[in-house]
C-alpha atoms as a PDB file:
ATOM      1  CA  UNK A   1      -0.036  -0.108  -0.046  1.00  0.00           C
ATOM      2  CA  UNK A   2       1.252   3.367  -0.976  1.00  0.00           C
ATOM      3  CA  UNK A   3       2.454   5.809   1.775  1.00  0.00           C
ATOM      4  CA  UNK A   4      -0.141   8.128   3.158  1.00  0.00           C
ATOM      5  CA  UNK A   5      -3.093   5.708   3.495  1.00  0.00           C
ATOM      6  CA  UNK A   6      -4.541   4.791   6.820  1.00  0.00           C
ATOM      7  CA  UNK A   7      -5.534   1.308   7.869  1.00  0.00           C
ATOM      8  CA  UNK A   8      -9.328   1.105   8.442  1.00  0.00           C
ATOM      9  CA  UNK A   9     -10.254  -2.680   8.093  1.00  0.00           C
ATOM     10  CA  UNK A  10      -8.145  -5.897   8.284  1.00  0.00           C
ATOM     11  CA  UNK A  11      -9.489  -9.455   7.386  1.00  0.00           C
ATOM     12  CA  UNK A  12      -7.718 -12.846   7.383  1.00  0.00           C
ATOM     13  CA  UNK A  13      -9.293 -15.693   5.655  1.00  0.00           C
ATOM     14  CA  UNK A  14      -8.419 -19.304   5.154  1.00  0.00           C
ATOM     15  CA  UNK A  15      -7.237 -20.393   1.531  1.00  0.00           C
ATOM     16  CA  UNK A  16     -10.749 -21.698   0.587  1.00  0.00           C
ATOM     17  CA  UNK A  17     -13.348 -20.291  -1.836  1.00  0.00           C
ATOM     18  CA  UNK A  18     -15.917 -20.900   0.819  1.00  0.00           C
ATOM     19  CA  UNK A  19     -14.489 -17.788   2.450  1.00  0.00           C
ATOM     20  CA  UNK A  20     -15.118 -15.453  -0.362  1.00  0.00           C
ATOM     21  CA  UNK A  21     -18.613 -14.184   0.899  1.00  0.00           C
ATOM     22  CA  UNK A  22     -16.622 -12.727   3.946  1.00  0.00           C
ATOM     23  CA  UNK A  23     -14.553 -10.766   1.479  1.00  0.00           C
ATOM     24  CA  UNK A  24     -17.740  -9.635  -0.372  1.00  0.00           C
ATOM     25  CA  UNK A  25     -19.281  -8.368   2.970  1.00  0.00           C
ATOM     26  CA  UNK A  26     -16.094  -6.341   3.642  1.00  0.00           C
ATOM     27  CA  UNK A  27     -16.284  -4.807   0.159  1.00  0.00           C
ATOM     28  CA  UNK A  28     -19.993  -3.904   0.816  1.00  0.00           C
ATOM     29  CA  UNK A  29     -19.308  -2.462   4.076  1.00  0.00           C
ATOM     30  CA  UNK A  30     -16.287  -0.485   2.951  1.00  0.00           C
ATOM     31  CA  UNK A  31     -18.192   0.895  -0.140  1.00  0.00           C
ATOM     32  CA  UNK A  32     -21.052   1.888   2.133  1.00  0.00           C
ATOM     33  CA  UNK A  33     -18.975   3.637   4.764  1.00  0.00           C
ATOM     34  CA  UNK A  34     -16.770   5.561   2.190  1.00  0.00           C
ATOM     35  CA  UNK A  35     -19.915   6.466   0.026  1.00  0.00           C
ATOM     36  CA  UNK A  36     -18.762   4.915  -3.018  1.00  0.00           C
ATOM     37  CA  UNK A  37     -20.887   5.785  -6.041  1.00  0.00           C
ATOM     38  CA  UNK A  38     -23.051   2.692  -6.805  1.00  0.00           C
ATOM     39  CA  UNK A  39     -21.829   2.579 -10.549  1.00  0.00           C
ATOM     40  CA  UNK A  40     -18.515   1.836  -9.381  1.00  0.00           C
ATOM     41  CA  UNK A  41     -19.247  -0.638  -6.626  1.00  0.00           C
ATOM     42  CA  UNK A  42     -19.320  -3.676  -9.123  1.00  0.00           C
ATOM     43  CA  UNK A  43     -15.859  -2.637 -10.272  1.00  0.00           C
ATOM     44  CA  UNK A  44     -14.495  -2.752  -6.761  1.00  0.00           C
ATOM     45  CA  UNK A  45     -16.419  -5.967  -6.063  1.00  0.00           C
ATOM     46  CA  UNK A  46     -14.916  -7.680  -9.065  1.00  0.00           C
ATOM     47  CA  UNK A  47     -11.435  -6.389  -8.809  1.00  0.00           C
ATOM     48  CA  UNK A  48     -11.022  -7.498  -4.998  1.00  0.00           C
ATOM     49  CA  UNK A  49     -12.671 -10.863  -5.336  1.00  0.00           C
ATOM     50  CA  UNK A  50     -10.433 -11.601  -8.428  1.00  0.00           C
ATOM     51  CA  UNK A  51      -7.254 -10.709  -6.351  1.00  0.00           C
ATOM     52  CA  UNK A  52      -8.502 -12.875  -3.559  1.00  0.00           C
ATOM     53  CA  UNK A  53      -9.329 -15.864  -5.869  1.00  0.00           C
ATOM     54  CA  UNK A  54      -5.984 -15.599  -7.302  1.00  0.00           C
ATOM     55  CA  UNK A  55      -4.362 -15.447  -3.834  1.00  0.00           C
ATOM     56  CA  UNK A  56      -6.234 -18.528  -2.696  1.00  0.00           C
ATOM     57  CA  UNK A  57      -5.854 -20.518  -6.116  1.00  0.00           C
ATOM     58  CA  UNK A  58      -2.317 -19.614  -7.313  1.00  0.00           C
ATOM     59  CA  UNK A  59      -0.514 -18.235  -4.250  1.00  0.00           C
ATOM     60  CA  UNK A  60      -1.560 -20.524  -1.599  1.00  0.00           C
ATOM     61  CA  UNK A  61      -2.599 -23.567  -3.984  1.00  0.00           C
ATOM     62  CA  UNK A  62      -5.934 -23.765  -1.909  1.00  0.00           C
ATOM     63  CA  UNK A  63      -4.085 -25.124   1.024  1.00  0.00           C
ATOM     64  CA  UNK A  64      -6.849 -24.251   3.514  1.00  0.00           C
ATOM     65  CA  UNK A  65      -4.691 -23.578   6.383  1.00  0.00           C
ATOM     66  CA  UNK A  66      -2.627 -21.055   4.876  1.00  0.00           C
ATOM     67  CA  UNK A  67      -4.122 -17.475   5.246  1.00  0.00           C
ATOM     68  CA  UNK A  68      -5.022 -14.818   2.924  1.00  0.00           C
ATOM     69  CA  UNK A  69      -4.799 -11.325   4.337  1.00  0.00           C
ATOM     70  CA  UNK A  70      -7.097  -8.440   3.046  1.00  0.00           C
ATOM     71  CA  UNK A  71      -6.505  -4.864   4.347  1.00  0.00           C
ATOM     72  CA  UNK A  72      -8.020  -1.728   3.352  1.00  0.00           C
ATOM     73  CA  UNK A  73      -6.537   1.718   3.354  1.00  0.00           C
ATOM     74  CA  UNK A  74      -8.185   4.913   3.202  1.00  0.00           C
ATOM     75  CA  UNK A  75      -6.877   8.554   1.937  1.00  0.00           C
ATOM     76  CA  UNK A  76      -8.590  11.627   1.264  1.00  0.00           C
ATOM     77  CA  UNK A  77      -9.180  11.321  -2.636  1.00  0.00           C
ATOM     78  CA  UNK A  78      -8.726   7.336  -2.789  1.00  0.00           C
ATOM     79  CA  UNK A  79      -9.166   3.996  -0.873  1.00  0.00           C
ATOM     80  CA  UNK A  80      -7.132   0.744  -1.456  1.00  0.00           C
ATOM     81  CA  UNK A  81      -7.646  -2.927  -1.017  1.00  0.00           C
ATOM     82  CA  UNK A  82      -4.421  -4.994  -0.406  1.00  0.00           C
ATOM     83  CA  UNK A  83      -4.392  -8.772  -0.784  1.00  0.00           C
ATOM     84  CA  UNK A  84      -1.553 -11.044   0.443  1.00  0.00           C
ATOM     85  CA  UNK A  85      -0.897 -14.460   0.217  1.00  0.00           C
ATOM     86  CA  UNK A  86       1.689 -16.815   1.607  1.00  0.00           C
ATOM     87  CA  UNK A  87       2.875 -18.360  -1.746  1.00  0.00           C
ATOM     88  CA  UNK A  88       6.143 -17.907  -3.531  1.00  0.00           C
ATOM     89  CA  UNK A  89       5.022 -15.004  -5.762  1.00  0.00           C
ATOM     90  CA  UNK A  90       5.138 -14.776  -9.445  1.00  0.00           C
ATOM     91  CA  UNK A  91       6.503 -12.662 -12.305  1.00  0.00           C
ATOM     92  CA  UNK A  92       3.729 -10.054 -12.832  1.00  0.00           C
ATOM     93  CA  UNK A  93       5.543  -8.269 -15.398  1.00  0.00           C
ATOM     94  CA  UNK A  94       5.630 -11.300 -17.785  1.00  0.00           C
ATOM     95  CA  UNK A  95       2.044 -12.129 -18.253  1.00  0.00           C
ATOM     96  CA  UNK A  96       0.249 -13.514 -21.243  1.00  0.00           C
ATOM     97  CA  UNK A  97      -2.214 -11.076 -23.030  1.00  0.00           C
ATOM     98  CA  UNK A  98      -5.793 -12.620 -22.211  1.00  0.00           C
ATOM     99  CA  UNK A  99      -6.997 -10.877 -25.321  1.00  0.00           C
ATOM    100  CA  UNK A 100      -4.477 -12.235 -27.719  1.00  0.00           C
ATOM    101  CA  UNK A 101      -5.951 -14.907 -30.188  1.00  0.00           C
ATOM    102  CA  UNK A 102      -4.186 -17.563 -28.553  1.00  0.00           C
ATOM    103  CA  UNK A 103      -5.417 -16.936 -25.168  1.00  0.00           C
ATOM    104  CA  UNK A 104      -9.061 -15.744 -25.787  1.00  0.00           C
ATOM    105  CA  UNK A 105     -10.610 -19.167 -25.351  1.00  0.00           C
ATOM    106  CA  UNK A 106      -8.668 -20.125 -22.127  1.00  0.00           C
ATOM    107  CA  UNK A 107     -10.762 -20.237 -19.059  1.00  0.00           C
ATOM    108  CA  UNK A 108      -7.974 -18.726 -16.712  1.00  0.00           C
ATOM    109  CA  UNK A 109      -5.847 -15.701 -17.182  1.00  0.00           C
ATOM    110  CA  UNK A 110      -8.153 -12.739 -16.968  1.00  0.00           C
ATOM    111  CA  UNK A 111      -7.970 -11.785 -13.162  1.00  0.00           C
ATOM    112  CA  UNK A 112      -5.128  -9.345 -13.265  1.00  0.00           C
ATOM    113  CA  UNK A 113      -6.356  -7.961 -16.600  1.00  0.00           C
ATOM    114  CA  UNK A 114      -9.599  -7.292 -14.881  1.00  0.00           C
ATOM    115  CA  UNK A 115      -8.011  -5.788 -11.841  1.00  0.00           C
ATOM    116  CA  UNK A 116      -6.028  -3.523 -14.084  1.00  0.00           C
ATOM    117  CA  UNK A 117      -9.027  -2.279 -16.046  1.00  0.00           C
ATOM    118  CA  UNK A 118     -11.496  -1.756 -13.250  1.00  0.00           C
ATOM    119  CA  UNK A 119      -9.387  -0.103 -10.876  1.00  0.00           C
ATOM    120  CA  UNK A 120      -7.227   3.202 -10.972  1.00  0.00           C
ATOM    121  CA  UNK A 121      -4.213   1.658 -10.218  1.00  0.00           C
ATOM    122  CA  UNK A 122      -2.731  -1.894  -9.444  1.00  0.00           C
ATOM    123  CA  UNK A 123       0.490  -2.244  -7.650  1.00  0.00           C
ATOM    124  CA  UNK A 124       2.398  -5.684  -6.808  1.00  0.00           C
ATOM    125  CA  UNK A 125       4.697  -6.036  -3.964  1.00  0.00           C
ATOM    126  CA  UNK A 126       6.906  -8.566  -2.081  1.00  0.00           C
ATOM    127  CA  UNK A 127       7.452 -10.604  -5.458  1.00  0.00           C
ATOM    128  CA  UNK A 128       3.815 -10.810  -6.498  1.00  0.00           C
ATOM    129  CA  UNK A 129       2.697 -12.204  -3.106  1.00  0.00           C
ATOM    130  CA  UNK A 130       0.797  -9.075  -2.312  1.00  0.00           C
ATOM    131  CA  UNK A 131      -1.463  -6.840  -4.650  1.00  0.00           C
ATOM    132  CA  UNK A 132      -3.013  -3.379  -3.898  1.00  0.00           C
ATOM    133  CA  UNK A 133      -5.959  -2.394  -5.956  1.00  0.00           C
ATOM    134  CA  UNK A 134      -6.468   1.418  -5.820  1.00  0.00           C
ATOM    135  CA  UNK A 135      -9.652   3.283  -6.564  1.00  0.00           C
ATOM    136  CA  UNK A 136     -10.570   7.167  -6.490  1.00  0.00           C
ATOM    137  CA  UNK A 137     -13.349   8.218  -4.682  1.00  0.00           C
END
């Protein structure tokens, strides 16, 4: 998370997709608390749940006892969701383009593309184990 953000919420979940409703509830709570425009709520929900899905599936390999951390930061003009797993990370600078003809029919590989297109900024840290997704209020 960039400098200047104040941590306003923190959540830790097990690496199982059954935990996703907890993340959705957190997004609902934060968007309501910060007065996020209803038109942008879907962008926040999809971007954050994609990040958590990636952390569960790719980062922690769906090993249930491994944790995924979700933290929320607030700043005057923007807010941020950070998602962190305990995996080994990945090369976020060398990802296949999901819109390329050879990838268009693949079932996976669109999560980061969606995050980058739905958020105002996306940053990877700790070798790809942590992603921070920024939204302007």
